[in-house]
Amino acid sequence: MRLINILLACVLLIITACKTKVTYPKVDEKSEDNQLLQTNYSYDTNALITDIKTLSSNDFEGRRTGTKGAEKAKQYIIKRFADLKVDPLGAHYEQHFSFEARGKSYRATNILSLIKGTTYPEKYIVLSAHYDHEGIKNGEIYNGADDDASGVSALFALAEYFKKHAPKHSIIFAAFDGEELGLKGAYHFVDNSIIPQESIVLNINMDMISRSEDNSLFAVGTRYSNMLKPIVAKENAIGQVDLKIGHEGLDNQDNWTFSSDHAAFHKAKIPFIYFGVPDHKDYHKPTDDFENIDQEFYKDAVETILNVTKKADALTF
């Protein structure tokens, strides 16, 4: 009988245990282990997304050089630099110039701001992107979200970081005009530089960095500089971004050495790194809209570019 009672007691314990709710500890989203799975951004990602959404909205009418939309974009960019307390390069932010292209005369404006370096203030890294796009064609607005509202908005993110963490080299933040009409703004800046051309040690250019079908972000230009290649090759992957060296004329892919504003620096024998993604189905079409960018990829791309820029700033040119 005692044996039976003991057996019954054991059965009851097993049943009770099976019915007992097991409570697992909640995962703290802010815990150190969980943060390893997340990207810790060095800048305000909300501002980044707001900037690209604003600059690529219909209100800016495609930002065609010489139009009201371009003027509105210019004023927006100047205000953003001023709000970040980033000073103009010269007496004011604008560098005005004129040019002819495709049988028309244009008046254009580069927007230039500066954060002075602490160690090499007389040596300059130029971070660049172009703010012009295709404008309105056949009644349709070409908003140019990826091309190149993405690069301009990244300029603000990088300016925000370096305003808080002073760089060793002076950094010029250049929003160029006239890129779509033959890289006119970049060439004017290089050929009519407010600072001595020989003081420019590096150009980091961003043109189309907010979406990629295979998550690839290409860095172009390291083949021309033994100093720059290691800092790109050793950069760790961030989030969705697959950073690659390519499109430099050493593979079977299109050569992007002269594809954007960095060409003006390269022709002046100034080292450069160009960051960009492969052409997508909305390239130079009215469907290059904010809704079609990849926000997570974009944020990771900007963080990646910032990391490479910090490594470049640590070099001695």
C-alpha atoms as a PDB file:
ATOM      1  CA  MET A   1       0.000   0.000   0.000  1.00  0.00           C
ATOM      2  CA  ARG A   2       2.844   2.373   0.916  1.00  0.00           C
ATOM      3  CA  LEU A   3       4.465   1.568  -2.424  1.00  0.00           C
ATOM      4  CA  ILE A   4       1.217   2.397  -4.225  1.00  0.00           C
ATOM      5  CA  ASN A   5       0.931   5.719  -2.359  1.00  0.00           C
ATOM      6  CA  ILE A   6       4.491   6.579  -3.273  1.00  0.00           C
ATOM      7  CA  LEU A   7       3.832   5.778  -6.924  1.00  0.00           C
ATOM      8  CA  LEU A   8       0.648   7.904  -6.916  1.00  0.00           C
ATOM      9  CA  ALA A   9       2.539  10.811  -5.344  1.00  0.00           C
ATOM     10  CA  CYS A  10       5.180  10.612  -8.071  1.00  0.00           C
ATOM     11  CA  VAL A  11       2.532  10.607 -10.790  1.00  0.00           C
ATOM     12  CA  LEU A  12       0.890  13.695  -9.250  1.00  0.00           C
ATOM     13  CA  LEU A  13       4.239  15.511  -9.130  1.00  0.00           C
ATOM     14  CA  ILE A  14       4.866  14.757 -12.805  1.00  0.00           C
ATOM     15  CA  ILE A  15       1.390  15.990 -13.791  1.00  0.00           C
ATOM     16  CA  THR A  16       1.803  19.155 -11.727  1.00  0.00           C
ATOM     17  CA  ALA A  17       5.172  19.845 -13.276  1.00  0.00           C
ATOM     18  CA  CYS A  18       3.757  19.435 -16.770  1.00  0.00           C
ATOM     19  CA  LYS A  19       1.010  21.979 -16.008  1.00  0.00           C
ATOM     20  CA  THR A  20       3.374  24.501 -14.472  1.00  0.00           C
ATOM     21  CA  LYS A  21       3.905  27.524 -16.722  1.00  0.00           C
ATOM     22  CA  VAL A  22       7.571  28.077 -17.475  1.00  0.00           C
ATOM     23  CA  THR A  23       8.432  31.784 -17.556  1.00  0.00           C
ATOM     24  CA  TYR A  24      11.432  32.752 -19.683  1.00  0.00           C
ATOM     25  CA  PRO A  25      13.265  35.999 -19.041  1.00  0.00           C
ATOM     26  CA  LYS A  26      12.309  38.796 -21.435  1.00  0.00           C
ATOM     27  CA  VAL A  27      14.928  39.921 -23.930  1.00  0.00           C
ATOM     28  CA  ASP A  28      16.075  43.419 -23.123  1.00  0.00           C
ATOM     29  CA  GLU A  29      16.238  45.209 -26.476  1.00  0.00           C
ATOM     30  CA  LYS A  30      18.871  47.504 -25.005  1.00  0.00           C
ATOM     31  CA  SER A  31      21.036  44.717 -23.625  1.00  0.00           C
ATOM     32  CA  GLU A  32      24.649  44.493 -24.749  1.00  0.00           C
ATOM     33  CA  ASP A  33      24.148  41.063 -26.360  1.00  0.00           C
ATOM     34  CA  ASN A  34      21.168  42.235 -28.399  1.00  0.00           C
ATOM     35  CA  GLN A  35      22.929  45.406 -29.504  1.00  0.00           C
ATOM     36  CA  LEU A  36      25.446  43.226 -31.314  1.00  0.00           C
ATOM     37  CA  LEU A  37      22.651  42.419 -33.759  1.00  0.00           C
ATOM     38  CA  GLN A  38      21.798  46.061 -34.367  1.00  0.00           C
ATOM     39  CA  THR A  39      23.569  48.926 -36.078  1.00  0.00           C
ATOM     40  CA  ASN A  40      24.531  51.721 -33.735  1.00  0.00           C
ATOM     41  CA  TYR A  41      24.410  54.779 -35.935  1.00  0.00           C
ATOM     42  CA  SER A  42      26.691  57.742 -35.394  1.00  0.00           C
ATOM     43  CA  TYR A  43      24.190  60.306 -36.664  1.00  0.00           C
ATOM     44  CA  ASP A  44      20.491  61.158 -36.553  1.00  0.00           C
ATOM     45  CA  THR A  45      18.853  58.619 -38.877  1.00  0.00           C
ATOM     46  CA  ASN A  46      15.470  60.329 -38.603  1.00  0.00           C
ATOM     47  CA  ALA A  47      16.987  63.537 -39.961  1.00  0.00           C
ATOM     48  CA  LEU A  48      18.625  61.578 -42.787  1.00  0.00           C
ATOM     49  CA  ILE A  49      15.297  60.119 -43.897  1.00  0.00           C
ATOM     50  CA  THR A  50      13.510  63.457 -43.536  1.00  0.00           C
ATOM     51  CA  ASP A  51      16.139  65.179 -45.682  1.00  0.00           C
ATOM     52  CA  ILE A  52      16.007  62.710 -48.567  1.00  0.00           C
ATOM     53  CA  LYS A  53      12.211  62.641 -48.462  1.00  0.00           C
ATOM     54  CA  THR A  54      12.056  66.431 -48.551  1.00  0.00           C
ATOM     55  CA  LEU A  55      14.643  66.994 -51.286  1.00  0.00           C
ATOM     56  CA  SER A  56      13.022  64.365 -53.521  1.00  0.00           C
ATOM     57  CA  SER A  57       9.478  65.644 -53.053  1.00  0.00           C
ATOM     58  CA  ASN A  58       7.426  67.201 -55.850  1.00  0.00           C
ATOM     59  CA  ASP A  59       7.846  70.616 -54.227  1.00  0.00           C
ATOM     60  CA  PHE A  60      11.418  70.754 -55.581  1.00  0.00           C
ATOM     61  CA  GLU A  61      10.325  69.958 -59.148  1.00  0.00           C
ATOM     62  CA  GLY A  62      13.282  67.685 -59.888  1.00  0.00           C
ATOM     63  CA  ARG A  63      15.943  70.273 -58.956  1.00  0.00           C
ATOM     64  CA  ARG A  64      16.967  71.049 -62.548  1.00  0.00           C
ATOM     65  CA  THR A  65      19.878  73.508 -62.719  1.00  0.00           C
ATOM     66  CA  GLY A  66      18.655  77.089 -63.098  1.00  0.00           C
ATOM     67  CA  THR A  67      15.029  76.396 -62.145  1.00  0.00           C
ATOM     68  CA  LYS A  68      12.875  77.440 -59.217  1.00  0.00           C
ATOM     69  CA  GLY A  69      13.175  73.904 -57.878  1.00  0.00           C
ATOM     70  CA  ALA A  70      16.964  74.158 -57.860  1.00  0.00           C
ATOM     71  CA  GLU A  71      16.762  77.496 -56.063  1.00  0.00           C
ATOM     72  CA  LYS A  72      14.475  75.977 -53.453  1.00  0.00           C
ATOM     73  CA  ALA A  73      16.888  73.060 -53.011  1.00  0.00           C
ATOM     74  CA  LYS A  74      19.775  75.485 -52.635  1.00  0.00           C
ATOM     75  CA  GLN A  75      18.006  77.366 -49.860  1.00  0.00           C
ATOM     76  CA  TYR A  76      17.120  74.101 -48.094  1.00  0.00           C
ATOM     77  CA  ILE A  77      20.736  72.889 -48.191  1.00  0.00           C
ATOM     78  CA  ILE A  78      22.100  76.184 -46.899  1.00  0.00           C
ATOM     79  CA  LYS A  79      19.601  76.175 -44.048  1.00  0.00           C
ATOM     80  CA  ARG A  80      20.528  72.611 -43.068  1.00  0.00           C
ATOM     81  CA  PHE A  81      24.230  73.470 -42.876  1.00  0.00           C
ATOM     82  CA  ALA A  82      23.418  76.624 -40.922  1.00  0.00           C
ATOM     83  CA  ASP A  83      21.192  74.668 -38.518  1.00  0.00           C
ATOM     84  CA  LEU A  84      24.079  72.249 -37.959  1.00  0.00           C
ATOM     85  CA  LYS A  85      26.292  75.277 -37.247  1.00  0.00           C
ATOM     86  CA  VAL A  86      28.645  74.353 -40.064  1.00  0.00           C
ATOM     87  CA  ASP A  87      30.279  77.504 -41.419  1.00  0.00           C
ATOM     88  CA  PRO A  88      30.473  78.455 -45.100  1.00  0.00           C
ATOM     89  CA  LEU A  89      33.787  77.845 -46.831  1.00  0.00           C
ATOM     90  CA  GLY A  90      34.133  81.489 -47.801  1.00  0.00           C
ATOM     91  CA  ALA A  91      32.204  84.617 -46.908  1.00  0.00           C
ATOM     92  CA  HIS A  92      28.985  82.809 -47.822  1.00  0.00           C
ATOM     93  CA  TYR A  93      27.873  79.313 -48.790  1.00  0.00           C
ATOM     94  CA  GLU A  94      27.306  79.965 -52.501  1.00  0.00           C
ATOM     95  CA  GLN A  95      29.851  79.642 -55.294  1.00  0.00           C
ATOM     96  CA  HIS A  96      28.125  81.026 -58.376  1.00  0.00           C
ATOM     97  CA  PHE A  97      29.150  80.157 -61.916  1.00  0.00           C
ATOM     98  CA  SER A  98      27.811  80.041 -65.464  1.00  0.00           C
ATOM     99  CA  PHE A  99      28.224  77.563 -68.283  1.00  0.00           C
ATOM    100  CA  GLU A 100      26.794  76.421 -71.589  1.00  0.00           C
ATOM    101  CA  ALA A 101      25.534  72.924 -72.261  1.00  0.00           C
ATOM    102  CA  ARG A 102      23.309  71.369 -74.911  1.00  0.00           C
ATOM    103  CA  GLY A 103      22.820  74.697 -76.650  1.00  0.00           C
ATOM    104  CA  LYS A 104      21.673  76.562 -73.533  1.00  0.00           C
ATOM    105  CA  SER A 105      23.252  78.930 -71.028  1.00  0.00           C
ATOM    106  CA  TYR A 106      22.935  78.179 -67.329  1.00  0.00           C
ATOM    107  CA  ARG A 107      23.545  80.033 -64.092  1.00  0.00           C
ATOM    108  CA  ALA A 108      24.363  77.629 -61.312  1.00  0.00           C
ATOM    109  CA  THR A 109      25.495  77.528 -57.700  1.00  0.00           C
ATOM    110  CA  ASN A 110      27.714  75.205 -55.701  1.00  0.00           C
ATOM    111  CA  ILE A 111      27.077  75.153 -51.957  1.00  0.00           C
ATOM    112  CA  LEU A 112      30.232  74.868 -49.865  1.00  0.00           C
ATOM    113  CA  SER A 113      30.662  74.562 -46.097  1.00  0.00           C
ATOM    114  CA  LEU A 114      33.628  73.844 -43.859  1.00  0.00           C
ATOM    115  CA  ILE A 115      34.676  72.204 -40.600  1.00  0.00           C
ATOM    116  CA  LYS A 116      38.271  73.089 -39.742  1.00  0.00           C
ATOM    117  CA  GLY A 117      40.703  70.333 -38.892  1.00  0.00           C
ATOM    118  CA  THR A 118      42.553  70.146 -35.598  1.00  0.00           C
ATOM    119  CA  THR A 119      45.857  68.637 -36.763  1.00  0.00           C
ATOM    120  CA  TYR A 120      46.089  69.479 -40.464  1.00  0.00           C
ATOM    121  CA  PRO A 121      43.865  72.551 -40.871  1.00  0.00           C
ATOM    122  CA  GLU A 122      45.540  73.556 -44.141  1.00  0.00           C
ATOM    123  CA  LYS A 123      44.866  70.179 -45.772  1.00  0.00           C
ATOM    124  CA  TYR A 124      41.365  69.494 -47.038  1.00  0.00           C
ATOM    125  CA  ILE A 125      39.144  66.467 -47.605  1.00  0.00           C
ATOM    126  CA  VAL A 126      36.201  67.291 -49.876  1.00  0.00           C
ATOM    127  CA  LEU A 127      32.996  65.347 -49.233  1.00  0.00           C
ATOM    128  CA  SER A 128      30.729  65.846 -52.220  1.00  0.00           C
ATOM    129  CA  ALA A 129      27.344  65.068 -53.749  1.00  0.00           C
ATOM    130  CA  HIS A 130      25.302  66.816 -56.448  1.00  0.00           C
ATOM    131  CA  TYR A 131      21.928  68.348 -55.707  1.00  0.00           C
ATOM    132  CA  ASP A 132      20.700  68.921 -59.266  1.00  0.00           C
ATOM    133  CA  HIS A 133      18.622  66.379 -61.183  1.00  0.00           C
ATOM    134  CA  GLU A 134      16.569  66.083 -64.385  1.00  0.00           C
ATOM    135  CA  GLY A 135      13.701  68.425 -63.497  1.00  0.00           C
ATOM    136  CA  ILE A 136      10.380  68.108 -65.334  1.00  0.00           C
ATOM    137  CA  LYS A 137      10.095  66.308 -68.678  1.00  0.00           C
ATOM    138  CA  ASN A 138       6.869  65.881 -70.645  1.00  0.00           C
ATOM    139  CA  GLY A 139       4.904  66.971 -67.610  1.00  0.00           C
ATOM    140  CA  GLU A 140       6.486  64.382 -65.289  1.00  0.00           C
ATOM    141  CA  ILE A 141       8.686  65.269 -62.321  1.00  0.00           C
ATOM    142  CA  TYR A 142      11.995  63.430 -62.068  1.00  0.00           C
ATOM    143  CA  ASN A 143      12.490  63.628 -58.306  1.00  0.00           C
ATOM    144  CA  GLY A 144      15.909  61.955 -58.151  1.00  0.00           C
ATOM    145  CA  ALA A 145      15.640  60.420 -54.695  1.00  0.00           C
ATOM    146  CA  ASP A 146      18.588  58.095 -55.187  1.00  0.00           C
ATOM    147  CA  ASP A 147      20.212  60.357 -57.794  1.00  0.00           C
ATOM    148  CA  ASP A 148      21.289  62.279 -55.824  1.00  0.00           C
ATOM    149  CA  ALA A 149      19.139  63.447 -52.940  1.00  0.00           C
ATOM    150  CA  SER A 150      20.664  60.431 -51.193  1.00  0.00           C
ATOM    151  CA  GLY A 151      24.192  61.822 -51.428  1.00  0.00           C
ATOM    152  CA  VAL A 152      23.233  65.349 -50.391  1.00  0.00           C
ATOM    153  CA  SER A 153      21.306  64.117 -47.362  1.00  0.00           C
ATOM    154  CA  ALA A 154      24.335  62.007 -46.411  1.00  0.00           C
ATOM    155  CA  LEU A 155      26.424  65.194 -46.438  1.00  0.00           C
ATOM    156  CA  PHE A 156      24.292  66.532 -43.588  1.00  0.00           C
ATOM    157  CA  ALA A 157      24.692  63.301 -41.603  1.00  0.00           C
ATOM    158  CA  LEU A 158      28.473  63.399 -41.967  1.00  0.00           C
ATOM    159  CA  ALA A 159      28.558  67.104 -41.131  1.00  0.00           C
ATOM    160  CA  GLU A 160      26.548  66.390 -37.987  1.00  0.00           C
ATOM    161  CA  TYR A 161      29.099  63.777 -36.896  1.00  0.00           C
ATOM    162  CA  PHE A 162      32.216  65.832 -37.599  1.00  0.00           C
ATOM    163  CA  LYS A 163      30.743  68.916 -35.968  1.00  0.00           C
ATOM    164  CA  LYS A 164      30.618  66.889 -32.748  1.00  0.00           C
ATOM    165  CA  HIS A 165      33.884  65.013 -33.365  1.00  0.00           C
ATOM    166  CA  ALA A 166      36.368  67.439 -34.868  1.00  0.00           C
ATOM    167  CA  PRO A 167      38.335  65.925 -37.780  1.00  0.00           C
ATOM    168  CA  LYS A 168      42.128  66.047 -38.092  1.00  0.00           C
ATOM    169  CA  HIS A 169      41.939  67.426 -41.630  1.00  0.00           C
ATOM    170  CA  SER A 170      39.679  70.278 -42.617  1.00  0.00           C
ATOM    171  CA  ILE A 171      36.570  68.937 -44.342  1.00  0.00           C
ATOM    172  CA  ILE A 172      34.704  70.759 -47.086  1.00  0.00           C
ATOM    173  CA  PHE A 173      31.099  69.663 -47.590  1.00  0.00           C
ATOM    174  CA  ALA A 174      30.290  70.366 -51.236  1.00  0.00           C
ATOM    175  CA  ALA A 175      26.823  70.145 -52.767  1.00  0.00           C
ATOM    176  CA  PHE A 176      27.572  70.546 -56.457  1.00  0.00           C
ATOM    177  CA  ASP A 177      25.265  71.903 -59.151  1.00  0.00           C
ATOM    178  CA  GLY A 178      25.246  70.984 -62.841  1.00  0.00           C
ATOM    179  CA  GLU A 179      26.344  67.367 -62.510  1.00  0.00           C
ATOM    180  CA  GLU A 180      23.651  66.133 -64.859  1.00  0.00           C
ATOM    181  CA  LEU A 181      24.864  68.618 -67.496  1.00  0.00           C
ATOM    182  CA  GLY A 182      28.467  67.454 -67.581  1.00  0.00           C
ATOM    183  CA  LEU A 183      29.843  67.586 -64.009  1.00  0.00           C
ATOM    184  CA  LYS A 184      29.983  71.363 -64.343  1.00  0.00           C
ATOM    185  CA  GLY A 185      29.878  72.242 -60.647  1.00  0.00           C
ATOM    186  CA  ALA A 186      32.686  69.894 -59.687  1.00  0.00           C
ATOM    187  CA  TYR A 187      34.938  71.095 -62.487  1.00  0.00           C
ATOM    188  CA  HIS A 188      34.267  74.717 -61.592  1.00  0.00           C
ATOM    189  CA  PHE A 189      35.120  74.049 -57.952  1.00  0.00           C
ATOM    190  CA  VAL A 190      38.388  72.271 -58.778  1.00  0.00           C
ATOM    191  CA  ASP A 191      39.467  74.779 -61.424  1.00  0.00           C
ATOM    192  CA  ASN A 192      38.399  77.840 -59.434  1.00  0.00           C
ATOM    193  CA  SER A 193      39.021  76.627 -55.928  1.00  0.00           C
ATOM    194  CA  ILE A 194      38.557  79.001 -53.032  1.00  0.00           C
ATOM    195  CA  ILE A 195      41.481  77.214 -51.386  1.00  0.00           C
ATOM    196  CA  PRO A 196      44.759  76.230 -53.109  1.00  0.00           C
ATOM    197  CA  GLN A 197      44.110  73.173 -55.263  1.00  0.00           C
ATOM    198  CA  GLU A 198      47.258  71.501 -53.946  1.00  0.00           C
ATOM    199  CA  SER A 199      45.769  71.654 -50.438  1.00  0.00           C
ATOM    200  CA  ILE A 200      43.002  69.207 -51.404  1.00  0.00           C
ATOM    201  CA  VAL A 201      44.258  65.764 -50.399  1.00  0.00           C
ATOM    202  CA  LEU A 202      41.152  63.660 -51.037  1.00  0.00           C
ATOM    203  CA  ASN A 203      37.663  63.691 -52.537  1.00  0.00           C
ATOM    204  CA  ILE A 204      34.967  61.365 -51.216  1.00  0.00           C
ATOM    205  CA  ASN A 205      32.023  61.545 -53.601  1.00  0.00           C
ATOM    206  CA  MET A 206      28.542  60.077 -53.032  1.00  0.00           C
ATOM    207  CA  ASP A 207      26.159  59.612 -55.930  1.00  0.00           C
ATOM    208  CA  MET A 208      23.302  57.067 -55.630  1.00  0.00           C
ATOM    209  CA  ILE A 209      23.716  55.298 -52.275  1.00  0.00           C
ATOM    210  CA  SER A 210      20.165  54.578 -51.064  1.00  0.00           C
ATOM    211  CA  ARG A 211      19.135  51.320 -52.748  1.00  0.00           C
ATOM    212  CA  SER A 212      20.745  48.195 -54.138  1.00  0.00           C
ATOM    213  CA  GLU A 213      19.117  45.003 -55.380  1.00  0.00           C
ATOM    214  CA  ASP A 214      21.924  42.812 -54.021  1.00  0.00           C
ATOM    215  CA  ASN A 215      22.964  45.135 -51.143  1.00  0.00           C
ATOM    216  CA  SER A 216      26.225  46.003 -52.890  1.00  0.00           C
ATOM    217  CA  LEU A 217      27.827  49.411 -52.363  1.00  0.00           C
ATOM    218  CA  PHE A 218      30.859  50.011 -54.544  1.00  0.00           C
ATOM    219  CA  ALA A 219      33.937  52.013 -53.623  1.00  0.00           C
ATOM    220  CA  VAL A 220      35.735  53.238 -56.733  1.00  0.00           C
ATOM    221  CA  GLY A 221      39.165  54.853 -56.950  1.00  0.00           C
ATOM    222  CA  THR A 222      41.369  52.851 -54.625  1.00  0.00           C
ATOM    223  CA  ARG A 223      43.311  51.401 -57.593  1.00  0.00           C
ATOM    224  CA  TYR A 224      44.894  54.844 -57.959  1.00  0.00           C
ATOM    225  CA  SER A 225      46.050  55.118 -54.322  1.00  0.00           C
ATOM    226  CA  ASN A 226      47.980  52.612 -52.251  1.00  0.00           C
ATOM    227  CA  MET A 227      47.001  54.579 -49.138  1.00  0.00           C
ATOM    228  CA  LEU A 228      43.264  54.318 -49.693  1.00  0.00           C
ATOM    229  CA  LYS A 229      42.825  50.708 -50.705  1.00  0.00           C
ATOM    230  CA  PRO A 230      43.512  49.166 -47.246  1.00  0.00           C
ATOM    231  CA  ILE A 231      40.993  51.370 -45.436  1.00  0.00           C
ATOM    232  CA  VAL A 232      38.243  50.241 -47.817  1.00  0.00           C
ATOM    233  CA  ALA A 233      39.300  46.599 -48.111  1.00  0.00           C
ATOM    234  CA  LYS A 234      39.392  46.188 -44.326  1.00  0.00           C
ATOM    235  CA  GLU A 235      36.095  47.946 -43.620  1.00  0.00           C
ATOM    236  CA  ASN A 236      33.705  45.571 -41.849  1.00  0.00           C
ATOM    237  CA  ALA A 237      30.235  45.010 -43.245  1.00  0.00           C
ATOM    238  CA  ILE A 238      27.562  47.117 -41.585  1.00  0.00           C
ATOM    239  CA  GLY A 239      23.970  45.889 -41.528  1.00  0.00           C
ATOM    240  CA  GLN A 240      22.723  45.241 -45.031  1.00  0.00           C
ATOM    241  CA  VAL A 241      25.689  46.750 -46.869  1.00  0.00           C
ATOM    242  CA  ASP A 242      28.090  44.610 -48.859  1.00  0.00           C
ATOM    243  CA  LEU A 243      30.975  47.020 -49.524  1.00  0.00           C
ATOM    244  CA  LYS A 244      32.938  46.107 -52.636  1.00  0.00           C
ATOM    245  CA  ILE A 245      35.902  47.465 -54.553  1.00  0.00           C
ATOM    246  CA  GLY A 246      35.142  47.445 -58.255  1.00  0.00           C
ATOM    247  CA  HIS A 247      34.102  49.341 -61.393  1.00  0.00           C
ATOM    248  CA  GLU A 248      37.660  50.676 -61.640  1.00  0.00           C
ATOM    249  CA  GLY A 249      38.570  49.325 -65.057  1.00  0.00           C
ATOM    250  CA  LEU A 250      40.156  46.200 -63.626  1.00  0.00           C
ATOM    251  CA  ASP A 251      37.166  43.896 -64.051  1.00  0.00           C
ATOM    252  CA  ASN A 252      34.447  43.158 -66.593  1.00  0.00           C
ATOM    253  CA  GLN A 253      32.125  45.766 -65.060  1.00  0.00           C
ATOM    254  CA  ASP A 254      31.524  49.312 -66.319  1.00  0.00           C
ATOM    255  CA  ASN A 255      34.362  51.667 -65.398  1.00  0.00           C
ATOM    256  CA  TRP A 256      33.002  54.401 -63.116  1.00  0.00           C
ATOM    257  CA  THR A 257      36.242  56.379 -62.826  1.00  0.00           C
ATOM    258  CA  PHE A 258      34.717  59.308 -64.737  1.00  0.00           C
ATOM    259  CA  SER A 259      31.026  58.659 -64.046  1.00  0.00           C
ATOM    260  CA  SER A 260      30.323  61.447 -61.530  1.00  0.00           C
ATOM    261  CA  ASP A 261      31.795  64.535 -59.855  1.00  0.00           C
ATOM    262  CA  HIS A 262      34.895  62.698 -58.629  1.00  0.00           C
ATOM    263  CA  ALA A 263      36.163  62.791 -62.237  1.00  0.00           C
ATOM    264  CA  ALA A 264      37.071  66.468 -61.836  1.00  0.00           C
ATOM    265  CA  PHE A 265      39.310  65.624 -58.882  1.00  0.00           C
ATOM    266  CA  HIS A 266      40.831  62.610 -60.587  1.00  0.00           C
ATOM    267  CA  LYS A 267      41.767  64.675 -63.646  1.00  0.00           C
ATOM    268  CA  ALA A 268      43.473  67.134 -61.295  1.00  0.00           C
ATOM    269  CA  LYS A 269      45.432  64.176 -59.847  1.00  0.00           C
ATOM    270  CA  ILE A 270      43.617  64.403 -56.505  1.00  0.00           C
ATOM    271  CA  PRO A 271      42.909  60.998 -54.877  1.00  0.00           C
ATOM    272  CA  PHE A 272      39.257  60.043 -54.661  1.00  0.00           C
ATOM    273  CA  ILE A 273      36.820  57.422 -53.433  1.00  0.00           C
ATOM    274  CA  TYR A 274      33.464  57.305 -55.143  1.00  0.00           C
ATOM    275  CA  PHE A 275      30.613  55.489 -53.388  1.00  0.00           C
ATOM    276  CA  GLY A 276      27.689  54.336 -55.496  1.00  0.00           C
ATOM    277  CA  VAL A 277      25.322  51.487 -56.316  1.00  0.00           C
ATOM    278  CA  PRO A 278      24.652  49.775 -59.649  1.00  0.00           C
ATOM    279  CA  ASP A 279      22.050  51.374 -61.910  1.00  0.00           C
ATOM    280  CA  HIS A 280      18.515  50.254 -61.106  1.00  0.00           C
ATOM    281  CA  LYS A 281      15.255  50.250 -63.054  1.00  0.00           C
ATOM    282  CA  ASP A 282      14.361  53.766 -61.840  1.00  0.00           C
ATOM    283  CA  TYR A 283      17.672  55.387 -62.793  1.00  0.00           C
ATOM    284  CA  HIS A 284      16.968  58.681 -64.604  1.00  0.00           C
ATOM    285  CA  LYS A 285      13.263  57.932 -64.656  1.00  0.00           C
ATOM    286  CA  PRO A 286      10.337  59.719 -62.972  1.00  0.00           C
ATOM    287  CA  THR A 287       9.984  56.694 -60.681  1.00  0.00           C
ATOM    288  CA  ASP A 288      13.205  57.478 -58.779  1.00  0.00           C
ATOM    289  CA  ASP A 289      11.060  58.470 -55.804  1.00  0.00           C
ATOM    290  CA  PHE A 290      11.479  58.384 -52.046  1.00  0.00           C
ATOM    291  CA  GLU A 291       9.083  55.448 -51.775  1.00  0.00           C
ATOM    292  CA  ASN A 292      11.500  53.287 -53.768  1.00  0.00           C
ATOM    293  CA  ILE A 293      14.617  53.747 -51.669  1.00  0.00           C
ATOM    294  CA  ASP A 294      15.660  51.095 -49.133  1.00  0.00           C
ATOM    295  CA  GLN A 295      15.760  52.987 -45.853  1.00  0.00           C
ATOM    296  CA  GLU A 296      17.675  50.350 -43.895  1.00  0.00           C
ATOM    297  CA  PHE A 297      20.270  49.878 -46.629  1.00  0.00           C
ATOM    298  CA  TYR A 298      20.589  53.657 -46.949  1.00  0.00           C
ATOM    299  CA  LYS A 299      21.246  54.200 -43.255  1.00  0.00           C
ATOM    300  CA  ASP A 300      23.823  51.399 -43.251  1.00  0.00           C
ATOM    301  CA  ALA A 301      25.475  52.808 -46.376  1.00  0.00           C
ATOM    302  CA  VAL A 302      25.877  56.228 -44.784  1.00  0.00           C
ATOM    303  CA  GLU A 303      27.362  54.671 -41.647  1.00  0.00           C
ATOM    304  CA  THR A 304      29.771  52.690 -43.835  1.00  0.00           C
ATOM    305  CA  ILE A 305      30.859  55.804 -45.715  1.00  0.00           C
ATOM    306  CA  LEU A 306      31.302  57.641 -42.435  1.00  0.00           C
ATOM    307  CA  ASN A 307      33.562  54.882 -41.136  1.00  0.00           C
ATOM    308  CA  VAL A 308      35.739  55.009 -44.246  1.00  0.00           C
ATOM    309  CA  THR A 309      35.877  58.801 -44.009  1.00  0.00           C
ATOM    310  CA  LYS A 310      37.059  58.607 -40.407  1.00  0.00           C
ATOM    311  CA  LYS A 311      39.797  56.164 -41.428  1.00  0.00           C
ATOM    312  CA  ALA A 312      40.847  58.441 -44.281  1.00  0.00           C
ATOM    313  CA  ASP A 313      40.972  61.402 -41.922  1.00  0.00           C
ATOM    314  CA  ALA A 314      43.361  59.455 -39.710  1.00  0.00           C
ATOM    315  CA  LEU A 315      45.868  59.109 -42.573  1.00  0.00           C
ATOM    316  CA  THR A 316      48.819  61.431 -43.107  1.00  0.00           C
ATOM    317  CA  PHE A 317      48.708  62.696 -46.682  1.00  0.00           C
END
